[in-house]
Structure formats: structure tokens, C-alpha cells
Amino acid sequence: MKNFNKIQTEKVEVMALFGYEMTPCQPLTFRRRGESETEVSELLQTHVRFVSGVALHIFDILVGREKMTLEFNSRDLSWYLTQ
């Protein structure tokens, strides 16, 4: 039986606003490889998770009506999108 609920993660480029009011970082848009920019409709929640001494900043976002997660790796400064 196939699992149709696979979580897909891909590296993306993110345009973010840093140091704005009470939110230290707010992703505004992201770009997948070979595609145009996608605007973040709403920032739902943020939190930090520590894995092997690396801070992973997690951003739950809405793009239109679709919920997604952007993750920022503080060690290599990379962004990942999870659907």
C-alpha cells in the first residue's frame, strides 16, 4: 500500500524582514528552484528547535489557503520548505 501523505522538503530562497516590531524575523516571499516568487499570505506561528547544537527556526505559514512550513538552519544559513 502506498503512502500518499509523504512530506516533501526542498531547499528554497527566502526574502525575510528581520527585526520588525515583536517579530525578530518574518518571511515575506520564497522561491523554489526554477519558479517565480511565492508570497507568504500569513505568518501563523514561530518556534525554535535545537538539533545537535544547531538552532532550527520554524515558521508555520499560509500561502493562499495552503499551510506550509519554512525552516531556517542557523548553522549553514539555509532555508527549507516543507509541505
PDB file of N, CA and C in Angstrom:
ATOM      1  N   MET A   1       0.834  -1.175   0.000  1.00  0.00           N
ATOM      2  CA  MET A   1       0.000   0.000   0.000  1.00  0.00           C
ATOM      3  C   MET A   1       0.882   1.243   0.000  1.00  0.00           C
ATOM      4  N   LYS A   2       0.607   2.189  -0.885  1.00  0.00           N
ATOM      5  CA  LYS A   2       1.413   3.396  -0.996  1.00  0.00           C
ATOM      6  C   LYS A   2       0.987   4.416   0.052  1.00  0.00           C
ATOM      7  N   ASN A   3       1.974   5.201   0.515  1.00  0.00           N
ATOM      8  CA  ASN A   3       1.699   6.288   1.440  1.00  0.00           C
ATOM      9  C   ASN A   3       1.575   7.575   0.631  1.00  0.00           C
ATOM     10  N   PHE A   4       0.376   8.096   0.519  1.00  0.00           N
ATOM     11  CA  PHE A   4       0.135   9.304  -0.261  1.00  0.00           C
ATOM     12  C   PHE A   4       0.340  10.571   0.559  1.00  0.00           C
ATOM     13  N   ASN A   5       0.641  10.447   1.830  1.00  0.00           N
ATOM     14  CA  ASN A   5       0.828  11.599   2.708  1.00  0.00           C
ATOM     15  C   ASN A   5       2.306  11.872   2.967  1.00  0.00           C
ATOM     16  N   LYS A   6       3.157  11.667   1.971  1.00  0.00           N
ATOM     17  CA  LYS A   6       4.579  11.912   2.142  1.00  0.00           C
ATOM     18  C   LYS A   6       4.845  13.398   2.315  1.00  0.00           C
ATOM     19  N   ILE A   7       5.698  13.714   3.270  1.00  0.00           N
ATOM     20  CA  ILE A   7       6.097  15.098   3.482  1.00  0.00           C
ATOM     21  C   ILE A   7       7.268  15.388   2.561  1.00  0.00           C
ATOM     22  N   GLN A   8       7.155  16.466   1.795  1.00  0.00           N
ATOM     23  CA  GLN A   8       8.197  16.848   0.863  1.00  0.00           C
ATOM     24  C   GLN A   8       8.936  18.061   1.399  1.00  0.00           C
ATOM     25  N   THR A   9      10.269  17.998   1.398  1.00  0.00           N
ATOM     26  CA  THR A   9      11.111  19.097   1.839  1.00  0.00           C
ATOM     27  C   THR A   9      12.034  19.480   0.702  1.00  0.00           C
ATOM     28  N   GLU A  10      12.138  20.790   0.452  1.00  0.00           N
ATOM     29  CA  GLU A  10      13.034  21.258  -0.603  1.00  0.00           C
ATOM     30  C   GLU A  10      13.701  22.552  -0.178  1.00  0.00           C
ATOM     31  N   LYS A  11      14.914  22.747  -0.642  1.00  0.00           N
ATOM     32  CA  LYS A  11      15.661  23.962  -0.344  1.00  0.00           C
ATOM     33  C   LYS A  11      15.074  25.102  -1.174  1.00  0.00           C
ATOM     34  N   VAL A  12      14.894  26.272  -0.532  1.00  0.00           N
ATOM     35  CA  VAL A  12      14.319  27.435  -1.201  1.00  0.00           C
ATOM     36  C   VAL A  12      15.119  28.686  -0.846  1.00  0.00           C
ATOM     37  N   GLU A  13      14.923  29.734  -1.643  1.00  0.00           N
ATOM     38  CA  GLU A  13      15.454  31.058  -1.341  1.00  0.00           C
ATOM     39  C   GLU A  13      14.334  31.850  -0.697  1.00  0.00           C
ATOM     40  N   VAL A  14      14.637  32.577   0.377  1.00  0.00           N
ATOM     41  CA  VAL A  14      13.611  33.315   1.116  1.00  0.00           C
ATOM     42  C   VAL A  14      13.997  34.781   1.237  1.00  0.00           C
ATOM     43  N   MET A  15      13.014  35.653   1.042  1.00  0.00           N
ATOM     44  CA  MET A  15      13.161  37.078   1.337  1.00  0.00           C
ATOM     45  C   MET A  15      12.447  37.287   2.662  1.00  0.00           C
ATOM     46  N   ALA A  16      13.197  37.756   3.671  1.00  0.00           N
ATOM     47  CA  ALA A  16      12.621  37.912   5.006  1.00  0.00           C
ATOM     48  C   ALA A  16      12.914  39.297   5.555  1.00  0.00           C
ATOM     49  N   LEU A  17      12.063  39.733   6.448  1.00  0.00           N
ATOM     50  CA  LEU A  17      12.213  41.005   7.135  1.00  0.00           C
ATOM     51  C   LEU A  17      12.714  40.695   8.537  1.00  0.00           C
ATOM     52  N   PHE A  18      13.871  41.262   8.907  1.00  0.00           N
ATOM     53  CA  PHE A  18      14.465  40.993  10.215  1.00  0.00           C
ATOM     54  C   PHE A  18      14.301  42.202  11.127  1.00  0.00           C
ATOM     55  N   GLY A  19      14.022  41.936  12.401  1.00  0.00           N
ATOM     56  CA  GLY A  19      13.956  42.985  13.403  1.00  0.00           C
ATOM     57  C   GLY A  19      12.766  43.904  13.282  1.00  0.00           C
ATOM     58  N   TYR A  20      11.603  43.377  12.949  1.00  0.00           N
ATOM     59  CA  TYR A  20      10.400  44.180  12.785  1.00  0.00           C
ATOM     60  C   TYR A  20       9.487  43.995  13.988  1.00  0.00           C
ATOM     61  N   GLU A  21       9.258  45.061  14.742  1.00  0.00           N
ATOM     62  CA  GLU A  21       8.388  45.075  15.908  1.00  0.00           C
ATOM     63  C   GLU A  21       8.681  43.900  16.845  1.00  0.00           C
ATOM     64  N   MET A  22       7.676  43.101  17.176  1.00  0.00           N
ATOM     65  CA  MET A  22       7.852  41.999  18.125  1.00  0.00           C
ATOM     66  C   MET A  22       8.288  40.696  17.445  1.00  0.00           C
ATOM     67  N   THR A  23       8.348  40.692  16.124  1.00  0.00           N
ATOM     68  CA  THR A  23       8.759  39.502  15.391  1.00  0.00           C
ATOM     69  C   THR A  23      10.186  39.709  14.886  1.00  0.00           C
ATOM     70  N   PRO A  24      11.164  38.970  15.431  1.00  0.00           N
ATOM     71  CA  PRO A  24      12.552  39.187  15.005  1.00  0.00           C
ATOM     72  C   PRO A  24      12.818  38.811  13.548  1.00  0.00           C
ATOM     73  N   CYS A  25      12.023  37.901  12.984  1.00  0.00           N
ATOM     74  CA  CYS A  25      12.180  37.510  11.583  1.00  0.00           C
ATOM     75  C   CYS A  25      10.812  37.140  11.028  1.00  0.00           C
ATOM     76  N   GLN A  26      10.520  37.673   9.843  1.00  0.00           N
ATOM     77  CA  GLN A  26       9.244  37.350   9.194  1.00  0.00           C
ATOM     78  C   GLN A  26       9.494  37.071   7.718  1.00  0.00           C
ATOM     79  N   PRO A  27       9.304  35.806   7.279  1.00  0.00           N
ATOM     80  CA  PRO A  27       9.453  35.501   5.855  1.00  0.00           C
ATOM     81  C   PRO A  27       8.350  36.192   5.045  1.00  0.00           C
ATOM     82  N   LEU A  28       8.748  36.835   3.940  1.00  0.00           N
ATOM     83  CA  LEU A  28       7.795  37.555   3.096  1.00  0.00           C
ATOM     84  C   LEU A  28       7.482  36.797   1.814  1.00  0.00           C
ATOM     85  N   THR A  29       8.521  36.290   1.152  1.00  0.00           N
ATOM     86  CA  THR A  29       8.362  35.514  -0.077  1.00  0.00           C
ATOM     87  C   THR A  29       9.388  34.393  -0.088  1.00  0.00           C
ATOM     88  N   PHE A  30       9.136  33.383  -0.927  1.00  0.00           N
ATOM     89  CA  PHE A  30      10.137  32.342  -1.152  1.00  0.00           C
ATOM     90  C   PHE A  30      10.111  31.956  -2.620  1.00  0.00           C
ATOM     91  N   ARG A  31      11.214  31.378  -3.066  1.00  0.00           N
ATOM     92  CA  ARG A  31      11.344  30.977  -4.467  1.00  0.00           C
ATOM     93  C   ARG A  31      11.888  29.553  -4.528  1.00  0.00           C
ATOM     94  N   ARG A  32      11.116  28.696  -5.193  1.00  0.00           N
ATOM     95  CA  ARG A  32      11.587  27.339  -5.483  1.00  0.00           C
ATOM     96  C   ARG A  32      12.484  27.386  -6.704  1.00  0.00           C
ATOM     97  N   ARG A  33      13.330  26.391  -6.839  1.00  0.00           N
ATOM     98  CA  ARG A  33      14.237  26.315  -7.988  1.00  0.00           C
ATOM     99  C   ARG A  33      13.436  26.312  -9.282  1.00  0.00           C
ATOM    100  N   GLY A  34      13.773  27.254 -10.171  1.00  0.00           N
ATOM    101  CA  GLY A  34      13.145  27.311 -11.481  1.00  0.00           C
ATOM    102  C   GLY A  34      11.750  27.905 -11.510  1.00  0.00           C
ATOM    103  N   GLU A  35      11.284  28.465 -10.389  1.00  0.00           N
ATOM    104  CA  GLU A  35       9.947  29.043 -10.333  1.00  0.00           C
ATOM    105  C   GLU A  35      10.016  30.505  -9.921  1.00  0.00           C
ATOM    106  N   SER A  36       8.893  31.214 -10.070  1.00  0.00           N
ATOM    107  CA  SER A  36       8.836  32.609  -9.650  1.00  0.00           C
ATOM    108  C   SER A  36       8.572  32.692  -8.144  1.00  0.00           C
ATOM    109  N   GLU A  37       8.678  33.901  -7.600  1.00  0.00           N
ATOM    110  CA  GLU A  37       8.473  34.099  -6.169  1.00  0.00           C
ATOM    111  C   GLU A  37       7.033  33.797  -5.763  1.00  0.00           C
ATOM    112  N   THR A  38       6.899  33.249  -4.562  1.00  0.00           N
ATOM    113  CA  THR A  38       5.598  32.973  -3.970  1.00  0.00           C
ATOM    114  C   THR A  38       5.477  33.822  -2.715  1.00  0.00           C
ATOM    115  N   GLU A  39       4.377  34.548  -2.588  1.00  0.00           N
ATOM    116  CA  GLU A  39       4.178  35.427  -1.439  1.00  0.00           C
ATOM    117  C   GLU A  39       3.584  34.668  -0.263  1.00  0.00           C
ATOM    118  N   VAL A  40       4.114  34.947   0.924  1.00  0.00           N
ATOM    119  CA  VAL A  40       3.573  34.386   2.156  1.00  0.00           C
ATOM    120  C   VAL A  40       2.358  35.214   2.537  1.00  0.00           C
ATOM    121  N   SER A  41       1.193  34.574   2.627  1.00  0.00           N
ATOM    122  CA  SER A  41      -0.046  35.278   2.948  1.00  0.00           C
ATOM    123  C   SER A  41      -0.121  35.654   4.423  1.00  0.00           C
ATOM    124  N   GLU A  42       0.317  34.719   5.282  1.00  0.00           N
ATOM    125  CA  GLU A  42       0.204  34.955   6.723  1.00  0.00           C
ATOM    126  C   GLU A  42       1.228  34.127   7.479  1.00  0.00           C
ATOM    127  N   LEU A  43       1.812  34.729   8.503  1.00  0.00           N
ATOM    128  CA  LEU A  43       2.696  34.022   9.422  1.00  0.00           C
ATOM    129  C   LEU A  43       1.842  33.538  10.584  1.00  0.00           C
ATOM    130  N   LEU A  44       1.748  32.222  10.748  1.00  0.00           N
ATOM    131  CA  LEU A  44       0.860  31.647  11.763  1.00  0.00           C
ATOM    132  C   LEU A  44       1.547  31.508  13.114  1.00  0.00           C
ATOM    133  N   GLN A  45       2.764  30.968  13.105  1.00  0.00           N
ATOM    134  CA  GLN A  45       3.438  30.649  14.365  1.00  0.00           C
ATOM    135  C   GLN A  45       4.928  30.491  14.106  1.00  0.00           C
ATOM    136  N   THR A  46       5.740  30.810  15.102  1.00  0.00           N
ATOM    137  CA  THR A  46       7.173  30.573  15.011  1.00  0.00           C
ATOM    138  C   THR A  46       7.660  29.874  16.278  1.00  0.00           C
ATOM    139  N   HIS A  47       8.684  29.066  16.138  1.00  0.00           N
ATOM    140  CA  HIS A  47       9.336  28.466  17.295  1.00  0.00           C
ATOM    141  C   HIS A  47      10.733  28.023  16.897  1.00  0.00           C
ATOM    142  N   VAL A  48      11.545  27.711  17.881  1.00  0.00           N
ATOM    143  CA  VAL A  48      12.926  27.283  17.651  1.00  0.00           C
ATOM    144  C   VAL A  48      13.072  25.869  18.176  1.00  0.00           C
ATOM    145  N   ARG A  49      13.761  25.026  17.412  1.00  0.00           N
ATOM    146  CA  ARG A  49      14.055  23.659  17.822  1.00  0.00           C
ATOM    147  C   ARG A  49      15.566  23.478  17.723  1.00  0.00           C
ATOM    148  N   PHE A  50      16.173  22.861  18.716  1.00  0.00           N
ATOM    149  CA  PHE A  50      17.612  22.629  18.718  1.00  0.00           C
ATOM    150  C   PHE A  50      17.884  21.163  18.394  1.00  0.00           C
ATOM    151  N   VAL A  51      18.689  20.941  17.350  1.00  0.00           N
ATOM    152  CA  VAL A  51      19.044  19.596  16.925  1.00  0.00           C
ATOM    153  C   VAL A  51      20.558  19.533  16.797  1.00  0.00           C
ATOM    154  N   SER A  52      21.193  18.715  17.614  1.00  0.00           N
ATOM    155  CA  SER A  52      22.662  18.549  17.594  1.00  0.00           C
ATOM    156  C   SER A  52      23.385  19.885  17.683  1.00  0.00           C
ATOM    157  N   GLY A  53      22.923  20.750  18.559  1.00  0.00           N
ATOM    158  CA  GLY A  53      23.573  22.036  18.770  1.00  0.00           C
ATOM    159  C   GLY A  53      23.278  23.093  17.723  1.00  0.00           C
ATOM    160  N   VAL A  54      22.373  22.810  16.807  1.00  0.00           N
ATOM    161  CA  VAL A  54      22.010  23.761  15.754  1.00  0.00           C
ATOM    162  C   VAL A  54      20.588  24.265  16.017  1.00  0.00           C
ATOM    163  N   ALA A  55      20.417  25.582  15.974  1.00  0.00           N
ATOM    164  CA  ALA A  55      19.088  26.166  16.138  1.00  0.00           C
ATOM    165  C   ALA A  55      18.365  26.142  14.795  1.00  0.00           C
ATOM    166  N   LEU A  56      17.201  25.506  14.771  1.00  0.00           N
ATOM    167  CA  LEU A  56      16.341  25.492  13.595  1.00  0.00           C
ATOM    168  C   LEU A  56      15.140  26.386  13.900  1.00  0.00           C
ATOM    169  N   HIS A  57      15.002  27.462  13.148  1.00  0.00           N
ATOM    170  CA  HIS A  57      13.902  28.397  13.332  1.00  0.00           C
ATOM    171  C   HIS A  57      12.762  27.964  12.416  1.00  0.00           C
ATOM    172  N   ILE A  58      11.620  27.645  13.001  1.00  0.00           N
ATOM    173  CA  ILE A  58      10.485  27.075  12.289  1.00  0.00           C
ATOM    174  C   ILE A  58       9.396  28.148  12.135  1.00  0.00           C
ATOM    175  N   PHE A  59       8.904  28.324  10.907  1.00  0.00           N
ATOM    176  CA  PHE A  59       7.868  29.301  10.611  1.00  0.00           C
ATOM    177  C   PHE A  59       6.694  28.572   9.949  1.00  0.00           C
ATOM    178  N   ASP A  60       5.572  28.499  10.631  1.00  0.00           N
ATOM    179  CA  ASP A  60       4.355  27.950  10.041  1.00  0.00           C
ATOM    180  C   ASP A  60       3.673  29.102   9.313  1.00  0.00           C
ATOM    181  N   ILE A  61       3.408  28.900   8.011  1.00  0.00           N
ATOM    182  CA  ILE A  61       2.893  29.981   7.172  1.00  0.00           C
ATOM    183  C   ILE A  61       1.684  29.518   6.371  1.00  0.00           C
ATOM    184  N   LEU A  62       0.953  30.493   5.845  1.00  0.00           N
ATOM    185  CA  LEU A  62      -0.102  30.232   4.872  1.00  0.00           C
ATOM    186  C   LEU A  62       0.310  30.851   3.551  1.00  0.00           C
ATOM    187  N   VAL A  63       0.088  30.082   2.481  1.00  0.00           N
ATOM    188  CA  VAL A  63       0.253  30.576   1.115  1.00  0.00           C
ATOM    189  C   VAL A  63      -1.105  30.362   0.472  1.00  0.00           C
ATOM    190  N   GLY A  64      -1.845  31.448   0.337  1.00  0.00           N
ATOM    191  CA  GLY A  64      -3.247  31.304  -0.059  1.00  0.00           C
ATOM    192  C   GLY A  64      -3.977  30.606   1.076  1.00  0.00           C
ATOM    193  N   ARG A  65      -4.499  29.410   0.808  1.00  0.00           N
ATOM    194  CA  ARG A  65      -5.166  28.612   1.851  1.00  0.00           C
ATOM    195  C   ARG A  65      -4.345  27.395   2.257  1.00  0.00           C
ATOM    196  N   GLU A  66      -3.160  27.260   1.685  1.00  0.00           N
ATOM    197  CA  GLU A  66      -2.327  26.085   1.952  1.00  0.00           C
ATOM    198  C   GLU A  66      -1.336  26.357   3.079  1.00  0.00           C
ATOM    199  N   LYS A  67      -1.318  25.471   4.070  1.00  0.00           N
ATOM    200  CA  LYS A  67      -0.395  25.588   5.197  1.00  0.00           C
ATOM    201  C   LYS A  67       0.933  24.939   4.828  1.00  0.00           C
ATOM    202  N   MET A  68       2.018  25.664   5.088  1.00  0.00           N
ATOM    203  CA  MET A  68       3.364  25.177   4.808  1.00  0.00           C
ATOM    204  C   MET A  68       4.261  25.546   5.971  1.00  0.00           C
ATOM    205  N   THR A  69       5.473  25.005   5.962  1.00  0.00           N
ATOM    206  CA  THR A  69       6.455  25.328   6.989  1.00  0.00           C
ATOM    207  C   THR A  69       7.763  25.708   6.326  1.00  0.00           C
ATOM    208  N   LEU A  70       8.312  26.847   6.749  1.00  0.00           N
ATOM    209  CA  LEU A  70       9.656  27.249   6.347  1.00  0.00           C
ATOM    210  C   LEU A  70      10.566  27.023   7.541  1.00  0.00           C
ATOM    211  N   GLU A  71      11.757  26.489   7.281  1.00  0.00           N
ATOM    212  CA  GLU A  71      12.701  26.183   8.342  1.00  0.00           C
ATOM    213  C   GLU A  71      14.044  26.827   7.998  1.00  0.00           C
ATOM    214  N   PHE A  72      14.590  27.596   8.939  1.00  0.00           N
ATOM    215  CA  PHE A  72      15.869  28.266   8.753  1.00  0.00           C
ATOM    216  C   PHE A  72      16.918  27.573   9.607  1.00  0.00           C
ATOM    217  N   ASN A  73      17.995  27.098   8.978  1.00  0.00           N
ATOM    218  CA  ASN A  73      19.089  26.428   9.670  1.00  0.00           C
ATOM    219  C   ASN A  73      20.141  27.476  10.016  1.00  0.00           C
ATOM    220  N   SER A  74      20.373  27.704  11.316  1.00  0.00           N
ATOM    221  CA  SER A  74      21.284  28.759  11.745  1.00  0.00           C
ATOM    222  C   SER A  74      22.754  28.408  11.517  1.00  0.00           C
ATOM    223  N   ARG A  75      23.066  27.155  11.279  1.00  0.00           N
ATOM    224  CA  ARG A  75      24.463  26.777  11.052  1.00  0.00           C
ATOM    225  C   ARG A  75      24.913  27.125   9.638  1.00  0.00           C
ATOM    226  N   ASP A  76      24.156  26.689   8.641  1.00  0.00           N
ATOM    227  CA  ASP A  76      24.578  26.948   7.252  1.00  0.00           C
ATOM    228  C   ASP A  76      23.741  28.030   6.569  1.00  0.00           C
ATOM    229  N   LEU A  77      22.847  28.670   7.332  1.00  0.00           N
ATOM    230  CA  LEU A  77      22.023  29.795   6.835  1.00  0.00           C
ATOM    231  C   LEU A  77      21.155  29.411   5.628  1.00  0.00           C
ATOM    232  N   SER A  78      20.664  28.192   5.630  1.00  0.00           N
ATOM    233  CA  SER A  78      19.821  27.719   4.533  1.00  0.00           C
ATOM    234  C   SER A  78      18.360  27.655   4.980  1.00  0.00           C
ATOM    235  N   TRP A  79      17.470  27.780   3.988  1.00  0.00           N
ATOM    236  CA  TRP A  79      16.024  27.711   4.200  1.00  0.00           C
ATOM    237  C   TRP A  79      15.468  26.478   3.512  1.00  0.00           C
ATOM    238  N   TYR A  80      14.484  25.836   4.157  1.00  0.00           N
ATOM    239  CA  TYR A  80      13.815  24.670   3.583  1.00  0.00           C
ATOM    240  C   TYR A  80      12.298  24.849   3.696  1.00  0.00           C
ATOM    241  N   LEU A  81      11.599  24.415   2.680  1.00  0.00           N
ATOM    242  CA  LEU A  81      10.145  24.450   2.649  1.00  0.00           C
ATOM    243  C   LEU A  81       9.628  23.037   2.825  1.00  0.00           C
ATOM    244  N   THR A  82       8.657  22.871   3.722  1.00  0.00           N
ATOM    245  CA  THR A  82       8.029  21.570   3.932  1.00  0.00           C
ATOM    246  C   THR A  82       6.544  21.685   3.658  1.00  0.00           C
ATOM    247  N   GLN A  83       6.033  20.754   2.851  1.00  0.00           N
ATOM    248  CA  GLN A  83       4.604  20.728   2.526  1.00  0.00           C
ATOM    249  C   GLN A  83       4.006  19.446   3.038  1.00  0.00           C
TER     250      GLN A  83
END
